[in-house]
Amino acid sequence: MEAKYRLGGVLCLLLAGAIAWQGIWLPLQQANLGAESITWMPRATVVIGLCLVFGAYFLTTGNRYPYRDVARQTLTPVGWVLCAAIGIVALAGFFGMDMLLRSMGYE
């Protein structure tokens, strides 16, 4: 069962990479080429953060430390740490991309 979680972690990381390519990398390439306007997906930073954090968690632990209590339908302390990490990564990605595009002259 642990191998399935680890494989799921790899898939989450691949998904994060694909979304980052489409939502972050390609707009940055357009900006480097001097495009008049750039369209990027700010919500993608949340999905990328979610996939990165859970992908890394499942790949390294294989869900050895459960993030939720199924019986009580609540998060465990590990789950709360994962939620905080997702928020930090998502906010850092959003504000980082925003600052980067503003420094390149885009609004």
N, C-alpha and C. Protein backbone atom coordinates (compact mmCIF):
# COMPACT_ATOMS: atom_id res chain seq x y z
N MET A 1 0.82 -1.19 0.00
CA MET A 1 0.00 0.00 0.00
C MET A 1 0.87 1.27 0.00
N GLU A 2 2.02 1.18 0.69
CA GLU A 2 2.88 2.35 0.77
C GLU A 2 3.43 2.72 -0.61
N ALA A 3 3.66 1.73 -1.46
CA ALA A 3 4.17 1.99 -2.81
C ALA A 3 3.16 2.78 -3.64
N LYS A 4 1.87 2.53 -3.41
CA LYS A 4 0.84 3.28 -4.13
C LYS A 4 0.88 4.75 -3.75
N TYR A 5 1.09 5.02 -2.47
CA TYR A 5 1.19 6.42 -2.03
C TYR A 5 2.43 7.09 -2.62
N ARG A 6 3.51 6.37 -2.67
CA ARG A 6 4.75 6.93 -3.25
C ARG A 6 4.57 7.20 -4.74
N LEU A 7 3.93 6.29 -5.44
CA LEU A 7 3.64 6.50 -6.85
C LEU A 7 2.71 7.70 -7.03
N GLY A 8 1.72 7.82 -6.15
CA GLY A 8 0.84 8.99 -6.18
C GLY A 8 1.61 10.27 -5.94
N GLY A 9 2.63 10.22 -5.08
CA GLY A 9 3.47 11.39 -4.85
C GLY A 9 4.23 11.79 -6.10
N VAL A 10 4.74 10.80 -6.82
CA VAL A 10 5.44 11.09 -8.08
C VAL A 10 4.47 11.71 -9.08
N LEU A 11 3.27 11.17 -9.17
CA LEU A 11 2.27 11.72 -10.08
C LEU A 11 1.88 13.15 -9.71
N CYS A 12 1.76 13.42 -8.42
CA CYS A 12 1.47 14.79 -7.97
C CYS A 12 2.59 15.75 -8.36
N LEU A 13 3.83 15.31 -8.22
CA LEU A 13 4.96 16.16 -8.60
C LEU A 13 5.00 16.39 -10.10
N LEU A 14 4.67 15.36 -10.88
CA LEU A 14 4.61 15.53 -12.34
C LEU A 14 3.50 16.49 -12.74
N LEU A 15 2.36 16.39 -12.05
CA LEU A 15 1.25 17.30 -12.31
C LEU A 15 1.64 18.74 -11.97
N ALA A 16 2.34 18.92 -10.86
CA ALA A 16 2.80 20.25 -10.48
C ALA A 16 3.74 20.81 -11.54
N GLY A 17 4.61 19.97 -12.06
CA GLY A 17 5.52 20.41 -13.11
C GLY A 17 4.79 20.82 -14.38
N ALA A 18 3.78 20.04 -14.76
CA ALA A 18 3.01 20.36 -15.96
C ALA A 18 2.24 21.66 -15.80
N ILE A 19 1.63 21.86 -14.65
CA ILE A 19 0.88 23.10 -14.41
C ILE A 19 1.83 24.29 -14.32
N ALA A 20 2.99 24.09 -13.70
CA ALA A 20 3.97 25.17 -13.61
C ALA A 20 4.49 25.55 -15.00
N TRP A 21 4.66 24.56 -15.85
CA TRP A 21 5.10 24.83 -17.22
C TRP A 21 4.08 25.70 -17.94
N GLN A 22 2.82 25.30 -17.85
CA GLN A 22 1.76 26.01 -18.57
C GLN A 22 1.43 27.36 -17.93
N GLY A 23 1.35 27.39 -16.62
CA GLY A 23 0.86 28.59 -15.94
C GLY A 23 1.92 29.58 -15.51
N ILE A 24 3.18 29.13 -15.41
CA ILE A 24 4.25 30.01 -14.92
C ILE A 24 5.36 30.18 -15.96
N TRP A 25 5.90 29.07 -16.44
CA TRP A 25 7.05 29.13 -17.32
C TRP A 25 6.73 29.79 -18.67
N LEU A 26 5.63 29.38 -19.31
CA LEU A 26 5.30 29.94 -20.61
C LEU A 26 5.02 31.45 -20.54
N PRO A 27 4.27 31.94 -19.55
CA PRO A 27 4.12 33.41 -19.44
C PRO A 27 5.45 34.13 -19.21
N LEU A 28 6.36 33.52 -18.45
CA LEU A 28 7.67 34.14 -18.25
C LEU A 28 8.46 34.17 -19.55
N GLN A 29 8.33 33.14 -20.35
CA GLN A 29 8.99 33.14 -21.66
C GLN A 29 8.42 34.23 -22.56
N GLN A 30 7.10 34.40 -22.52
CA GLN A 30 6.49 35.48 -23.30
C GLN A 30 7.00 36.84 -22.84
N ALA A 31 7.15 37.00 -21.53
CA ALA A 31 7.66 38.27 -20.99
C ALA A 31 9.10 38.50 -21.43
N ASN A 32 9.91 37.45 -21.43
CA ASN A 32 11.30 37.58 -21.86
C ASN A 32 11.41 37.94 -23.34
N LEU A 33 10.43 37.50 -24.11
CA LEU A 33 10.44 37.81 -25.54
C LEU A 33 9.84 39.19 -25.83
N GLY A 34 9.34 39.88 -24.78
CA GLY A 34 8.84 41.24 -24.93
C GLY A 34 7.40 41.33 -25.40
N ALA A 35 6.58 40.36 -25.05
CA ALA A 35 5.17 40.40 -25.44
C ALA A 35 4.50 41.64 -24.85
N GLU A 36 3.52 42.14 -25.58
CA GLU A 36 2.83 43.36 -25.15
C GLU A 36 2.04 43.13 -23.87
N SER A 37 1.38 41.99 -23.77
CA SER A 37 0.65 41.65 -22.55
C SER A 37 0.87 40.18 -22.22
N ILE A 38 0.79 39.88 -20.94
CA ILE A 38 1.02 38.52 -20.46
C ILE A 38 -0.23 38.04 -19.74
N THR A 39 -0.64 36.82 -20.04
CA THR A 39 -1.76 36.20 -19.33
C THR A 39 -1.21 35.02 -18.54
N TRP A 40 -1.31 35.10 -17.22
CA TRP A 40 -0.89 33.99 -16.40
C TRP A 40 -2.02 33.62 -15.46
N MET A 41 -1.95 32.46 -14.87
CA MET A 41 -3.04 31.95 -14.04
C MET A 41 -2.64 32.03 -12.56
N PRO A 42 -3.08 33.07 -11.86
CA PRO A 42 -2.72 33.18 -10.44
C PRO A 42 -3.20 32.01 -9.59
N ARG A 43 -4.35 31.45 -9.97
CA ARG A 43 -4.87 30.31 -9.20
C ARG A 43 -4.01 29.06 -9.38
N ALA A 44 -3.22 29.05 -10.43
CA ALA A 44 -2.34 27.90 -10.65
C ALA A 44 -1.33 27.77 -9.52
N THR A 45 -0.95 28.88 -8.89
CA THR A 45 0.02 28.79 -7.81
C THR A 45 -0.53 27.99 -6.63
N VAL A 46 -1.83 28.05 -6.42
CA VAL A 46 -2.45 27.26 -5.34
C VAL A 46 -2.39 25.78 -5.69
N VAL A 47 -2.74 25.45 -6.92
CA VAL A 47 -2.73 24.05 -7.34
C VAL A 47 -1.30 23.51 -7.36
N ILE A 48 -0.36 24.33 -7.81
CA ILE A 48 1.05 23.91 -7.82
C ILE A 48 1.52 23.67 -6.39
N GLY A 49 1.17 24.57 -5.48
CA GLY A 49 1.55 24.39 -4.07
C GLY A 49 0.96 23.13 -3.49
N LEU A 50 -0.31 22.88 -3.77
CA LEU A 50 -0.98 21.67 -3.28
C LEU A 50 -0.28 20.43 -3.81
N CYS A 51 -0.02 20.40 -5.10
CA CYS A 51 0.61 19.23 -5.70
C CYS A 51 2.05 19.05 -5.21
N LEU A 52 2.78 20.14 -5.07
CA LEU A 52 4.16 20.03 -4.59
C LEU A 52 4.23 19.50 -3.16
N VAL A 53 3.42 20.07 -2.29
CA VAL A 53 3.48 19.68 -0.88
C VAL A 53 3.01 18.24 -0.69
N PHE A 54 1.86 17.89 -1.26
CA PHE A 54 1.39 16.53 -1.09
C PHE A 54 2.25 15.53 -1.86
N GLY A 55 2.76 15.94 -3.02
CA GLY A 55 3.65 15.05 -3.77
C GLY A 55 4.91 14.73 -2.99
N ALA A 56 5.53 15.76 -2.42
CA ALA A 56 6.73 15.54 -1.62
C ALA A 56 6.43 14.72 -0.37
N TYR A 57 5.28 15.00 0.26
CA TYR A 57 4.88 14.26 1.47
C TYR A 57 4.67 12.78 1.16
N PHE A 58 3.90 12.49 0.12
CA PHE A 58 3.64 11.09 -0.21
C PHE A 58 4.89 10.38 -0.71
N LEU A 59 5.72 11.07 -1.46
CA LEU A 59 6.93 10.44 -1.99
C LEU A 59 7.90 10.10 -0.85
N THR A 60 8.04 10.99 0.12
CA THR A 60 9.01 10.74 1.19
C THR A 60 8.48 9.84 2.29
N THR A 61 7.20 9.95 2.62
CA THR A 61 6.68 9.17 3.76
C THR A 61 5.81 8.00 3.35
N GLY A 62 5.22 8.04 2.18
CA GLY A 62 4.29 6.97 1.79
C GLY A 62 3.06 6.94 2.68
N ASN A 63 2.68 8.07 3.24
CA ASN A 63 1.56 8.21 4.18
C ASN A 63 1.79 7.41 5.46
N ARG A 64 3.05 7.31 5.88
CA ARG A 64 3.37 6.64 7.13
C ARG A 64 2.78 7.40 8.32
N TYR A 65 2.69 8.70 8.16
CA TYR A 65 2.10 9.57 9.19
C TYR A 65 0.80 10.12 8.61
N PRO A 66 -0.34 9.57 8.99
CA PRO A 66 -1.61 10.00 8.38
C PRO A 66 -1.88 11.49 8.59
N TYR A 67 -2.40 12.12 7.55
CA TYR A 67 -2.69 13.55 7.62
C TYR A 67 -4.15 13.81 8.00
N ARG A 68 -4.95 12.75 8.08
CA ARG A 68 -6.35 12.93 8.48
C ARG A 68 -6.79 11.77 9.36
N ASP A 69 -7.75 12.06 10.22
CA ASP A 69 -8.37 11.05 11.07
C ASP A 69 -9.70 10.69 10.43
N VAL A 70 -9.77 9.52 9.84
CA VAL A 70 -10.94 9.12 9.08
C VAL A 70 -12.16 8.98 9.98
N ALA A 71 -12.00 8.44 11.16
CA ALA A 71 -13.13 8.20 12.05
C ALA A 71 -13.78 9.51 12.49
N ARG A 72 -12.95 10.49 12.85
CA ARG A 72 -13.51 11.77 13.32
C ARG A 72 -13.66 12.79 12.20
N GLN A 73 -13.17 12.47 11.02
CA GLN A 73 -13.22 13.36 9.86
C GLN A 73 -12.57 14.72 10.15
N THR A 74 -11.37 14.66 10.73
CA THR A 74 -10.61 15.87 11.03
C THR A 74 -9.17 15.68 10.58
N LEU A 75 -8.43 16.77 10.56
CA LEU A 75 -7.02 16.71 10.24
C LEU A 75 -6.21 16.36 11.48
N THR A 76 -5.13 15.64 11.28
CA THR A 76 -4.17 15.38 12.35
C THR A 76 -3.20 16.55 12.39
N PRO A 77 -2.33 16.59 13.38
CA PRO A 77 -1.31 17.66 13.38
C PRO A 77 -0.46 17.68 12.11
N VAL A 78 -0.18 16.50 11.55
CA VAL A 78 0.55 16.45 10.28
C VAL A 78 -0.26 17.13 9.18
N GLY A 79 -1.55 16.91 9.16
CA GLY A 79 -2.43 17.53 8.17
C GLY A 79 -2.43 19.05 8.29
N TRP A 80 -2.42 19.54 9.51
CA TRP A 80 -2.39 21.00 9.70
C TRP A 80 -1.07 21.59 9.23
N VAL A 81 0.02 20.87 9.46
CA VAL A 81 1.33 21.33 8.98
C VAL A 81 1.34 21.35 7.45
N LEU A 82 0.77 20.32 6.83
CA LEU A 82 0.69 20.28 5.37
C LEU A 82 -0.16 21.44 4.83
N CYS A 83 -1.26 21.73 5.49
CA CYS A 83 -2.11 22.86 5.06
C CYS A 83 -1.35 24.18 5.17
N ALA A 84 -0.61 24.35 6.25
CA ALA A 84 0.18 25.58 6.41
C ALA A 84 1.26 25.65 5.33
N ALA A 85 1.90 24.53 5.04
CA ALA A 85 2.93 24.51 4.00
C ALA A 85 2.34 24.83 2.63
N ILE A 86 1.15 24.32 2.34
CA ILE A 86 0.48 24.63 1.08
C ILE A 86 0.22 26.13 0.98
N GLY A 87 -0.27 26.72 2.05
CA GLY A 87 -0.54 28.16 2.06
C GLY A 87 0.73 28.97 1.84
N ILE A 88 1.81 28.58 2.48
CA ILE A 88 3.07 29.31 2.34
C ILE A 88 3.61 29.20 0.92
N VAL A 89 3.60 27.98 0.37
CA VAL A 89 4.11 27.78 -1.00
C VAL A 89 3.23 28.53 -2.01
N ALA A 90 1.91 28.46 -1.82
CA ALA A 90 1.01 29.14 -2.76
C ALA A 90 1.19 30.66 -2.70
N LEU A 91 1.27 31.22 -1.51
CA LEU A 91 1.46 32.67 -1.38
C LEU A 91 2.82 33.09 -1.91
N ALA A 92 3.85 32.31 -1.63
CA ALA A 92 5.18 32.64 -2.14
C ALA A 92 5.20 32.59 -3.67
N GLY A 93 4.54 31.60 -4.24
CA GLY A 93 4.48 31.50 -5.69
C GLY A 93 3.72 32.66 -6.31
N PHE A 94 2.60 33.02 -5.71
CA PHE A 94 1.79 34.11 -6.24
C PHE A 94 2.54 35.43 -6.18
N PHE A 95 3.03 35.77 -4.98
CA PHE A 95 3.70 37.06 -4.84
C PHE A 95 5.04 37.09 -5.57
N GLY A 96 5.72 35.96 -5.65
CA GLY A 96 6.96 35.90 -6.41
C GLY A 96 6.74 36.15 -7.89
N MET A 97 5.73 35.49 -8.45
CA MET A 97 5.42 35.68 -9.87
C MET A 97 4.94 37.11 -10.12
N ASP A 98 4.11 37.62 -9.23
CA ASP A 98 3.61 38.99 -9.37
C ASP A 98 4.77 39.99 -9.34
N MET A 99 5.67 39.84 -8.39
CA MET A 99 6.81 40.74 -8.30
C MET A 99 7.71 40.62 -9.53
N LEU A 100 7.91 39.41 -9.99
CA LEU A 100 8.76 39.19 -11.16
C LEU A 100 8.19 39.87 -12.40
N LEU A 101 6.89 39.69 -12.61
CA LEU A 101 6.27 40.33 -13.77
C LEU A 101 6.25 41.85 -13.65
N ARG A 102 6.02 42.36 -12.45
CA ARG A 102 6.05 43.81 -12.25
C ARG A 102 7.45 44.37 -12.49
N SER A 103 8.47 43.63 -12.08
CA SER A 103 9.84 44.10 -12.30
C SER A 103 10.19 44.10 -13.80
N MET A 104 9.47 43.32 -14.57
CA MET A 104 9.69 43.29 -16.02
C MET A 104 8.83 44.32 -16.74
N GLY A 105 7.99 45.06 -15.96
CA GLY A 105 7.20 46.14 -16.55
C GLY A 105 5.77 45.78 -16.87
N TYR A 106 5.26 44.66 -16.37
CA TYR A 106 3.88 44.25 -16.61
C TYR A 106 3.03 44.54 -15.39
N GLU A 107 1.76 44.84 -15.64
CA GLU A 107 0.82 45.12 -14.54
C GLU A 107 -0.05 43.92 -14.28
